[in-house]
Full PDB file with SEQRES, HELIX, SHEET, SSBOND, CRYST1, ORIGX, SCALE, CONECT and MASTER records, all heavy atoms in Angstrom:
SEQRES   1 A   34  LEU ASN GLN THR GLY LEU SER SER ASP GLY PHE ASN ILE          
SEQRES   2 A   34  LEU ASP PRO ASP ALA ASN PRO ASP GLU LEU GLU GLU LYS          
SEQRES   3 A   34  GLN ARG LEU ILE ASN GLN VAL MET                              
HELIX    1 AA1 PRO A   20  VAL A   33  1                                  14    
CRYST1    1.000    1.000    1.000  90.00  90.00  90.00 P 1           1          
ORIGX1      1.000000  0.000000  0.000000        0.00000                         
ORIGX2      0.000000  1.000000  0.000000        0.00000                         
ORIGX3      0.000000  0.000000  1.000000        0.00000                         
SCALE1      1.000000  0.000000  0.000000        0.00000                         
SCALE2      0.000000  1.000000  0.000000        0.00000                         
SCALE3      0.000000  0.000000  1.000000        0.00000                         
ATOM      1  N   LEU A   1     -19.537   2.247   8.024  1.00  0.00           N  
ATOM      2  CA  LEU A   1     -19.389   1.246   6.965  1.00  0.00           C  
ATOM      3  C   LEU A   1     -17.900   0.777   6.901  1.00  0.00           C  
ATOM      4  O   LEU A   1     -17.665  -0.412   6.737  1.00  0.00           O  
ATOM      5  CB  LEU A   1     -19.820   1.907   5.622  1.00  0.00           C  
ATOM      6  CG  LEU A   1     -21.317   2.100   5.480  1.00  0.00           C  
ATOM      7  CD1 LEU A   1     -21.540   2.826   4.184  1.00  0.00           C  
ATOM      8  CD2 LEU A   1     -22.121   0.869   5.586  1.00  0.00           C  
ATOM      9  N   ASN A   2     -16.995   1.716   7.131  1.00  0.00           N  
ATOM     10  CA  ASN A   2     -15.590   1.347   7.075  1.00  0.00           C  
ATOM     11  C   ASN A   2     -15.269   0.348   8.216  1.00  0.00           C  
ATOM     12  O   ASN A   2     -14.473  -0.573   8.045  1.00  0.00           O  
ATOM     13  CB  ASN A   2     -14.655   2.562   7.260  1.00  0.00           C  
ATOM     14  CG  ASN A   2     -14.700   3.433   6.041  1.00  0.00           C  
ATOM     15  OD1 ASN A   2     -14.978   2.896   4.927  1.00  0.00           O  
ATOM     16  ND2 ASN A   2     -14.274   4.690   6.110  1.00  0.00           N  
ATOM     17  N   GLN A   3     -15.830   0.575   9.392  1.00  0.00           N  
ATOM     18  CA  GLN A   3     -15.542  -0.310  10.573  1.00  0.00           C  
ATOM     19  C   GLN A   3     -16.174  -1.637  10.441  1.00  0.00           C  
ATOM     20  O   GLN A   3     -15.688  -2.641  10.953  1.00  0.00           O  
ATOM     21  CB  GLN A   3     -15.917   0.377  11.801  1.00  0.00           C  
ATOM     22  CG  GLN A   3     -15.124   1.593  12.175  1.00  0.00           C  
ATOM     23  CD  GLN A   3     -15.480   2.156  13.520  1.00  0.00           C  
ATOM     24  OE1 GLN A   3     -16.197   1.518  14.289  1.00  0.00           O  
ATOM     25  NE2 GLN A   3     -15.009   3.383  13.805  1.00  0.00           N  
ATOM     26  N   THR A   4     -17.318  -1.709   9.745  1.00  0.00           N  
ATOM     27  CA  THR A   4     -17.982  -2.990   9.675  1.00  0.00           C  
ATOM     28  C   THR A   4     -17.668  -3.783   8.378  1.00  0.00           C  
ATOM     29  O   THR A   4     -17.928  -4.982   8.269  1.00  0.00           O  
ATOM     30  CB  THR A   4     -19.509  -2.826   9.634  1.00  0.00           C  
ATOM     31  OG1 THR A   4     -19.911  -1.979   8.501  1.00  0.00           O  
ATOM     32  CG2 THR A   4     -20.052  -2.192  10.851  1.00  0.00           C  
ATOM     33  N   GLY A   5     -16.910  -3.181   7.443  1.00  0.00           N  
ATOM     34  CA  GLY A   5     -16.476  -3.845   6.230  1.00  0.00           C  
ATOM     35  C   GLY A   5     -17.581  -3.841   5.158  1.00  0.00           C  
ATOM     36  O   GLY A   5     -17.391  -4.593   4.173  1.00  0.00           O  
ATOM     37  N   LEU A   6     -18.588  -3.008   5.340  1.00  0.00           N  
ATOM     38  CA  LEU A   6     -19.626  -2.963   4.256  1.00  0.00           C  
ATOM     39  C   LEU A   6     -19.338  -1.786   3.349  1.00  0.00           C  
ATOM     40  O   LEU A   6     -18.842  -0.745   3.791  1.00  0.00           O  
ATOM     41  CB  LEU A   6     -20.995  -2.757   4.933  1.00  0.00           C  
ATOM     42  CG  LEU A   6     -21.554  -3.895   5.770  1.00  0.00           C  
ATOM     43  CD1 LEU A   6     -22.808  -3.455   6.432  1.00  0.00           C  
ATOM     44  CD2 LEU A   6     -21.724  -5.150   4.988  1.00  0.00           C  
ATOM     45  N   SER A   7     -19.680  -1.965   2.110  1.00  0.00           N  
ATOM     46  CA  SER A   7     -19.502  -0.851   1.202  1.00  0.00           C  
ATOM     47  C   SER A   7     -20.783  -0.027   1.171  1.00  0.00           C  
ATOM     48  O   SER A   7     -21.827  -0.437   1.763  1.00  0.00           O  
ATOM     49  CB  SER A   7     -19.227  -1.325  -0.190  1.00  0.00           C  
ATOM     50  OG  SER A   7     -20.369  -2.068  -0.736  1.00  0.00           O  
ATOM     51  N   SER A   8     -20.817   1.112   0.639  1.00  0.00           N  
ATOM     52  CA  SER A   8     -22.061   1.974   0.652  1.00  0.00           C  
ATOM     53  C   SER A   8     -23.186   1.374  -0.123  1.00  0.00           C  
ATOM     54  O   SER A   8     -24.340   1.767   0.168  1.00  0.00           O  
ATOM     55  CB  SER A   8     -21.678   3.389   0.035  1.00  0.00           C  
ATOM     56  OG  SER A   8     -21.233   3.239  -1.240  1.00  0.00           O  
ATOM     57  N   ASP A   9     -22.931   0.425  -0.971  1.00  0.00           N  
ATOM     58  CA  ASP A   9     -24.051  -0.232  -1.632  1.00  0.00           C  
ATOM     59  C   ASP A   9     -24.502  -1.444  -0.973  1.00  0.00           C  
ATOM     60  O   ASP A   9     -25.378  -2.195  -1.445  1.00  0.00           O  
ATOM     61  CB  ASP A   9     -23.707  -0.565  -3.112  1.00  0.00           C  
ATOM     62  CG  ASP A   9     -22.445  -1.447  -3.265  1.00  0.00           C  
ATOM     63  OD1 ASP A   9     -21.977  -1.882  -2.165  1.00  0.00           O  
ATOM     64  OD2 ASP A   9     -22.071  -1.780  -4.400  1.00  0.00           O  
ATOM     65  N   GLY A  10     -23.960  -1.753   0.299  1.00  0.00           N  
ATOM     66  CA  GLY A  10     -24.540  -2.763   1.142  1.00  0.00           C  
ATOM     67  C   GLY A  10     -23.768  -4.112   0.931  1.00  0.00           C  
ATOM     68  O   GLY A  10     -24.097  -5.055   1.615  1.00  0.00           O  
ATOM     69  N   PHE A  11     -22.792  -4.223   0.128  1.00  0.00           N  
ATOM     70  CA  PHE A  11     -22.052  -5.471  -0.031  1.00  0.00           C  
ATOM     71  C   PHE A  11     -20.846  -5.521   0.869  1.00  0.00           C  
ATOM     72  O   PHE A  11     -20.213  -4.523   1.201  1.00  0.00           O  
ATOM     73  CB  PHE A  11     -21.541  -5.616  -1.462  1.00  0.00           C  
ATOM     74  CG  PHE A  11     -22.663  -5.864  -2.452  1.00  0.00           C  
ATOM     75  CD1 PHE A  11     -23.109  -4.839  -3.269  1.00  0.00           C  
ATOM     76  CD2 PHE A  11     -23.310  -7.116  -2.520  1.00  0.00           C  
ATOM     77  CE1 PHE A  11     -24.160  -5.029  -4.137  1.00  0.00           C  
ATOM     78  CE2 PHE A  11     -24.339  -7.329  -3.394  1.00  0.00           C  
ATOM     79  CZ  PHE A  11     -24.787  -6.295  -4.203  1.00  0.00           C  
ATOM     80  N   ASN A  12     -20.647  -6.706   1.431  1.00  0.00           N  
ATOM     81  CA  ASN A  12     -19.643  -6.914   2.451  1.00  0.00           C  
ATOM     82  C   ASN A  12     -18.307  -7.057   1.690  1.00  0.00           C  
ATOM     83  O   ASN A  12     -18.122  -7.971   0.971  1.00  0.00           O  
ATOM     84  CB  ASN A  12     -19.941  -8.135   3.259  1.00  0.00           C  
ATOM     85  CG  ASN A  12     -19.072  -8.294   4.462  1.00  0.00           C  
ATOM     86  OD1 ASN A  12     -17.886  -7.795   4.513  1.00  0.00           O  
ATOM     87  ND2 ASN A  12     -19.483  -8.976   5.487  1.00  0.00           N  
ATOM     88  N   ILE A  13     -17.430  -6.085   1.931  1.00  0.00           N  
ATOM     89  CA  ILE A  13     -16.101  -6.078   1.249  1.00  0.00           C  
ATOM     90  C   ILE A  13     -15.259  -7.236   1.832  1.00  0.00           C  
ATOM     91  O   ILE A  13     -14.457  -7.831   1.115  1.00  0.00           O  
ATOM     92  CB  ILE A  13     -15.345  -4.745   1.612  1.00  0.00           C  
ATOM     93  CG1 ILE A  13     -16.235  -3.566   1.015  1.00  0.00           C  
ATOM     94  CG2 ILE A  13     -14.000  -4.702   1.020  1.00  0.00           C  
ATOM     95  CD1 ILE A  13     -15.776  -2.213   1.458  1.00  0.00           C  
ATOM     96  N   LEU A  14     -15.484  -7.617   3.053  1.00  0.00           N  
ATOM     97  CA  LEU A  14     -14.663  -8.630   3.702  1.00  0.00           C  
ATOM     98  C   LEU A  14     -15.104 -10.020   3.336  1.00  0.00           C  
ATOM     99  O   LEU A  14     -14.336 -11.006   3.449  1.00  0.00           O  
ATOM    100  CB  LEU A  14     -14.695  -8.495   5.219  1.00  0.00           C  
ATOM    101  CG  LEU A  14     -14.229  -7.076   5.775  1.00  0.00           C  
ATOM    102  CD1 LEU A  14     -14.459  -7.050   7.272  1.00  0.00           C  
ATOM    103  CD2 LEU A  14     -12.818  -6.852   5.407  1.00  0.00           C  
ATOM    104  N   ASP A  15     -16.334 -10.201   2.867  1.00  0.00           N  
ATOM    105  CA  ASP A  15     -16.871 -11.568   2.559  1.00  0.00           C  
ATOM    106  C   ASP A  15     -17.459 -11.521   1.137  1.00  0.00           C  
ATOM    107  O   ASP A  15     -18.726 -11.291   1.027  1.00  0.00           O  
ATOM    108  CB  ASP A  15     -17.871 -12.024   3.596  1.00  0.00           C  
ATOM    109  CG  ASP A  15     -18.312 -13.429   3.389  1.00  0.00           C  
ATOM    110  OD1 ASP A  15     -17.744 -14.092   2.537  1.00  0.00           O  
ATOM    111  OD2 ASP A  15     -19.262 -13.828   4.162  1.00  0.00           O  
ATOM    112  N   PRO A  16     -16.729 -11.779   0.050  1.00  0.00           N  
ATOM    113  CA  PRO A  16     -17.263 -11.745  -1.277  1.00  0.00           C  
ATOM    114  C   PRO A  16     -18.344 -12.815  -1.531  1.00  0.00           C  
ATOM    115  O   PRO A  16     -19.124 -12.689  -2.497  1.00  0.00           O  
ATOM    116  CB  PRO A  16     -16.120 -11.913  -2.185  1.00  0.00           C  
ATOM    117  CG  PRO A  16     -14.999 -12.470  -1.285  1.00  0.00           C  
ATOM    118  CD  PRO A  16     -15.325 -12.113   0.090  1.00  0.00           C  
ATOM    119  N   ASP A  17     -18.359 -13.855  -0.761  1.00  0.00           N  
ATOM    120  CA  ASP A  17     -19.307 -14.930  -0.969  1.00  0.00           C  
ATOM    121  C   ASP A  17     -20.640 -14.775  -0.186  1.00  0.00           C  
ATOM    122  O   ASP A  17     -21.478 -15.608  -0.250  1.00  0.00           O  
ATOM    123  CB  ASP A  17     -18.696 -16.296  -0.541  1.00  0.00           C  
ATOM    124  CG  ASP A  17     -17.471 -16.645  -1.303  1.00  0.00           C  
ATOM    125  OD1 ASP A  17     -17.424 -16.257  -2.464  1.00  0.00           O  
ATOM    126  OD2 ASP A  17     -16.530 -17.300  -0.823  1.00  0.00           O  
ATOM    127  N   ALA A  18     -20.773 -13.595   0.419  1.00  0.00           N  
ATOM    128  CA  ALA A  18     -21.983 -13.373   1.213  1.00  0.00           C  
ATOM    129  C   ALA A  18     -23.250 -13.345   0.357  1.00  0.00           C  
ATOM    130  O   ALA A  18     -23.181 -12.803  -0.820  1.00  0.00           O  
ATOM    131  CB  ALA A  18     -21.853 -12.041   1.990  1.00  0.00           C  
ATOM    132  N   ASN A  19     -24.318 -13.743   0.903  1.00  0.00           N  
ATOM    133  CA  ASN A  19     -25.703 -13.756   0.208  1.00  0.00           C  
ATOM    134  C   ASN A  19     -26.124 -12.298   0.060  1.00  0.00           C  
ATOM    135  O   ASN A  19     -26.226 -11.662   1.114  1.00  0.00           O  
ATOM    136  CB  ASN A  19     -26.619 -14.610   0.966  1.00  0.00           C  
ATOM    137  CG  ASN A  19     -27.980 -14.744   0.388  1.00  0.00           C  
ATOM    138  OD1 ASN A  19     -28.269 -14.003  -0.550  1.00  0.00           O  
ATOM    139  ND2 ASN A  19     -28.777 -15.655   0.914  1.00  0.00           N  
ATOM    140  N   PRO A  20     -26.531 -11.823  -1.043  1.00  0.00           N  
ATOM    141  CA  PRO A  20     -27.051 -10.413  -1.219  1.00  0.00           C  
ATOM    142  C   PRO A  20     -28.297 -10.186  -0.367  1.00  0.00           C  
ATOM    143  O   PRO A  20     -28.429  -9.014   0.100  1.00  0.00           O  
ATOM    144  CB  PRO A  20     -27.337 -10.302  -2.715  1.00  0.00           C  
ATOM    145  CG  PRO A  20     -26.563 -11.329  -3.364  1.00  0.00           C  
ATOM    146  CD  PRO A  20     -26.440 -12.475  -2.404  1.00  0.00           C  
ATOM    147  N   ASP A  21     -29.129 -11.095  -0.182  1.00  0.00           N  
ATOM    148  CA  ASP A  21     -30.319 -10.903   0.693  1.00  0.00           C  
ATOM    149  C   ASP A  21     -29.884 -10.731   2.138  1.00  0.00           C  
ATOM    150  O   ASP A  21     -30.503  -9.868   2.763  1.00  0.00           O  
ATOM    151  CB  ASP A  21     -31.283 -12.164   0.595  1.00  0.00           C  
ATOM    152  CG  ASP A  21     -31.927 -12.261  -0.778  1.00  0.00           C  
ATOM    153  OD1 ASP A  21     -32.083 -11.256  -1.463  1.00  0.00           O  
ATOM    154  OD2 ASP A  21     -32.400 -13.380  -1.103  1.00  0.00           O  
ATOM    155  N   GLU A  22     -28.970 -11.498   2.576  1.00  0.00           N  
ATOM    156  CA  GLU A  22     -28.473 -11.316   3.948  1.00  0.00           C  
ATOM    157  C   GLU A  22     -27.749  -9.935   4.079  1.00  0.00           C  
ATOM    158  O   GLU A  22     -27.983  -9.232   5.138  1.00  0.00           O  
ATOM    159  CB  GLU A  22     -27.461 -12.385   4.336  1.00  0.00           C  
ATOM    160  CG  GLU A  22     -28.019 -13.735   4.578  1.00  0.00           C  
ATOM    161  CD  GLU A  22     -27.052 -14.825   4.788  1.00  0.00           C  
ATOM    162  OE1 GLU A  22     -25.817 -14.503   4.942  1.00  0.00           O  
ATOM    163  OE2 GLU A  22     -27.448 -16.018   5.035  1.00  0.00           O  
ATOM    164  N   LEU A  23     -27.077  -9.526   3.051  1.00  0.00           N  
ATOM    165  CA  LEU A  23     -26.390  -8.280   3.158  1.00  0.00           C  
ATOM    166  C   LEU A  23     -27.371  -7.131   3.175  1.00  0.00           C  
ATOM    167  O   LEU A  23     -27.221  -6.097   3.831  1.00  0.00           O  
ATOM    168  CB  LEU A  23     -25.393  -8.100   2.037  1.00  0.00           C  
ATOM    169  CG  LEU A  23     -24.177  -9.018   1.988  1.00  0.00           C  
ATOM    170  CD1 LEU A  23     -23.380  -8.853   0.707  1.00  0.00           C  
ATOM    171  CD2 LEU A  23     -23.351  -8.712   3.196  1.00  0.00           C  
ATOM    172  N   GLU A  24     -28.432  -7.299   2.392  1.00  0.00           N  
ATOM    173  CA  GLU A  24     -29.484  -6.269   2.303  1.00  0.00           C  
ATOM    174  C   GLU A  24     -30.212  -6.181   3.690  1.00  0.00           C  
ATOM    175  O   GLU A  24     -30.471  -5.043   4.159  1.00  0.00           O  
ATOM    176  CB  GLU A  24     -30.540  -6.595   1.254  1.00  0.00           C  
ATOM    177  CG  GLU A  24     -31.597  -5.539   1.038  1.00  0.00           C  
ATOM    178  CD  GLU A  24     -32.532  -5.950  -0.041  1.00  0.00           C  
ATOM    179  OE1 GLU A  24     -32.065  -6.412  -1.128  1.00  0.00           O  
ATOM    180  OE2 GLU A  24     -33.779  -5.676   0.101  1.00  0.00           O  
ATOM    181  N   GLU A  25     -30.409  -7.283   4.272  1.00  0.00           N  
ATOM    182  CA  GLU A  25     -31.036  -7.302   5.649  1.00  0.00           C  
ATOM    183  C   GLU A  25     -30.118  -6.647   6.678  1.00  0.00           C  
ATOM    184  O   GLU A  25     -30.552  -5.873   7.522  1.00  0.00           O  
ATOM    185  CB  GLU A  25     -31.424  -8.740   6.071  1.00  0.00           C  
ATOM    186  CG  GLU A  25     -31.936  -8.890   7.444  1.00  0.00           C  
ATOM    187  CD  GLU A  25     -33.341  -8.205   7.607  1.00  0.00           C  
ATOM    188  OE1 GLU A  25     -33.962  -7.815   6.624  1.00  0.00           O  
ATOM    189  OE2 GLU A  25     -33.758  -8.057   8.821  1.00  0.00           O  
ATOM    190  N   LYS A  26     -28.761  -6.984   6.598  1.00  0.00           N  
ATOM    191  CA  LYS A  26     -27.829  -6.350   7.503  1.00  0.00           C  
ATOM    192  C   LYS A  26     -27.821  -4.868   7.318  1.00  0.00           C  
ATOM    193  O   LYS A  26     -27.739  -4.078   8.287  1.00  0.00           O  
ATOM    194  CB  LYS A  26     -26.470  -6.971   7.242  1.00  0.00           C  
ATOM    195  CG  LYS A  26     -26.252  -8.368   7.791  1.00  0.00           C  
ATOM    196  CD  LYS A  26     -24.794  -8.751   7.619  1.00  0.00           C  
ATOM    197  CE  LYS A  26     -24.565 -10.163   8.111  1.00  0.00           C  
ATOM    198  NZ  LYS A  26     -23.214 -10.665   7.863  1.00  0.00           N  
ATOM    199  N   GLN A  27     -27.862  -4.411   6.055  1.00  0.00           N  
ATOM    200  CA  GLN A  27     -27.784  -2.970   5.786  1.00  0.00           C  
ATOM    201  C   GLN A  27     -29.040  -2.310   6.291  1.00  0.00           C  
ATOM    202  O   GLN A  27     -28.993  -1.196   6.919  1.00  0.00           O  
ATOM    203  CB  GLN A  27     -27.699  -2.712   4.291  1.00  0.00           C  
ATOM    204  CG  GLN A  27     -27.520  -1.294   3.901  1.00  0.00           C  
ATOM    205  CD  GLN A  27     -26.239  -0.721   4.446  1.00  0.00           C  
ATOM    206  OE1 GLN A  27     -25.238  -1.297   4.401  1.00  0.00           O  
ATOM    207  NE2 GLN A  27     -26.295   0.541   4.854  1.00  0.00           N  
ATOM    208  N   ARG A  28     -30.230  -2.967   6.194  1.00  0.00           N  
ATOM    209  CA  ARG A  28     -31.442  -2.421   6.752  1.00  0.00           C  
ATOM    210  C   ARG A  28     -31.369  -2.329   8.266  1.00  0.00           C  
ATOM    211  O   ARG A  28     -31.725  -1.290   8.831  1.00  0.00           O  
ATOM    212  CB  ARG A  28     -32.600  -3.316   6.308  1.00  0.00           C  
ATOM    213  CG  ARG A  28     -34.025  -2.747   6.684  1.00  0.00           C  
ATOM    214  CD  ARG A  28     -35.105  -3.750   6.436  1.00  0.00           C  
ATOM    215  NE  ARG A  28     -35.056  -4.946   7.345  1.00  0.00           N  
ATOM    216  CZ  ARG A  28     -35.405  -4.879   8.641  1.00  0.00           C  
ATOM    217  NH1 ARG A  28     -35.822  -3.766   9.196  1.00  0.00           N  
ATOM    218  NH2 ARG A  28     -35.279  -5.935   9.379  1.00  0.00           N  
ATOM    219  N   LEU A  29     -30.810  -3.348   8.832  1.00  0.00           N  
ATOM    220  CA  LEU A  29     -30.682  -3.334  10.338  1.00  0.00           C  
ATOM    221  C   LEU A  29     -29.676  -2.245  10.842  1.00  0.00           C  
ATOM    222  O   LEU A  29     -29.886  -1.571  11.803  1.00  0.00           O  
ATOM    223  CB  LEU A  29     -30.248  -4.728  10.820  1.00  0.00           C  
ATOM    224  CG  LEU A  29     -31.344  -5.758  10.743  1.00  0.00           C  
ATOM    225  CD1 LEU A  29     -30.710  -7.189  11.148  1.00  0.00           C  
ATOM    226  CD2 LEU A  29     -32.514  -5.465  11.611  1.00  0.00           C  
ATOM    227  N   ILE A  30     -28.655  -2.113  10.075  1.00  0.00           N  
ATOM    228  CA  ILE A  30     -27.648  -1.095  10.348  1.00  0.00           C  
ATOM    229  C   ILE A  30     -28.246   0.294  10.284  1.00  0.00           C  
ATOM    230  O   ILE A  30     -28.091   1.129  11.215  1.00  0.00           O  
ATOM    231  CB  ILE A  30     -26.380  -1.173   9.424  1.00  0.00           C  
ATOM    232  CG1 ILE A  30     -25.599  -2.419   9.804  1.00  0.00           C  
ATOM    233  CG2 ILE A  30     -25.579   0.109   9.503  1.00  0.00           C  
ATOM    234  CD1 ILE A  30     -24.574  -2.799   8.760  1.00  0.00           C  
ATOM    235  N   ASN A  31     -29.021   0.521   9.214  1.00  0.00           N  
ATOM    236  CA  ASN A  31     -29.689   1.771   9.020  1.00  0.00           C  
ATOM    237  C   ASN A  31     -30.702   2.059  10.207  1.00  0.00           C  
ATOM    238  O   ASN A  31     -30.799   3.181  10.720  1.00  0.00           O  
ATOM    239  CB  ASN A  31     -30.405   1.919   7.736  1.00  0.00           C  
ATOM    240  CG  ASN A  31     -29.445   2.040   6.592  1.00  0.00           C  
ATOM    241  OD1 ASN A  31     -28.302   2.430   6.716  1.00  0.00           O  
ATOM    242  ND2 ASN A  31     -29.869   1.577   5.391  1.00  0.00           N  
ATOM    243  N   GLN A  32     -31.425   1.013  10.590  1.00  0.00           N  
ATOM    244  CA  GLN A  32     -32.347   1.101  11.697  1.00  0.00           C  
ATOM    245  C   GLN A  32     -31.693   1.417  12.996  1.00  0.00           C  
ATOM    246  O   GLN A  32     -32.070   2.209  13.796  1.00  0.00           O  
ATOM    247  CB  GLN A  32     -33.154  -0.202  11.804  1.00  0.00           C  
ATOM    248  CG  GLN A  32     -34.290  -0.076  12.788  1.00  0.00           C  
ATOM    249  CD  GLN A  32     -35.150  -1.415  12.860  1.00  0.00           C  
ATOM    250  OE1 GLN A  32     -34.716  -2.428  12.322  1.00  0.00           O  
ATOM    251  NE2 GLN A  32     -36.262  -1.361  13.517  1.00  0.00           N  
ATOM    252  N   VAL A  33     -30.527   0.748  13.217  1.00  0.00           N  
ATOM    253  CA  VAL A  33     -29.719   0.999  14.428  1.00  0.00           C  
ATOM    254  C   VAL A  33     -29.257   2.472  14.458  1.00  0.00           C  
ATOM    255  O   VAL A  33     -29.340   3.177  15.505  1.00  0.00           O  
ATOM    256  CB  VAL A  33     -28.499   0.047  14.553  1.00  0.00           C  
ATOM    257  CG1 VAL A  33     -27.519   0.548  15.633  1.00  0.00           C  
ATOM    258  CG2 VAL A  33     -29.018  -1.361  14.908  1.00  0.00           C  
ATOM    259  N   MET A  34     -28.771   2.955  13.340  1.00  0.00           N  
ATOM    260  CA  MET A  34     -28.294   4.350  13.226  1.00  0.00           C  
ATOM    261  C   MET A  34     -29.448   5.246  13.492  1.00  0.00           C  
ATOM    262  O   MET A  34     -29.265   6.316  14.214  1.00  0.00           O  
ATOM    263  CB  MET A  34     -27.729   4.632  11.825  1.00  0.00           C  
ATOM    264  CG  MET A  34     -26.449   3.785  11.540  1.00  0.00           C  
ATOM    265  SD  MET A  34     -25.086   4.114  12.575  1.00  0.00           S  
ATOM    266  CE  MET A  34     -24.636   5.734  11.922  1.00  0.00           C  
TER     267      MET A  34                                                      
MASTER        0    0    0    1    0    0    0    6  266    1    0    3          
END                                                                             
């Protein structure tokens, strides 16, 4: 999470304007990759 800029709740620290649905999908994909 530190390397990707995501917080533990799935929000992108580096992009405050990011869509929450996209962030949720990214978090799901990250979890799946892990």
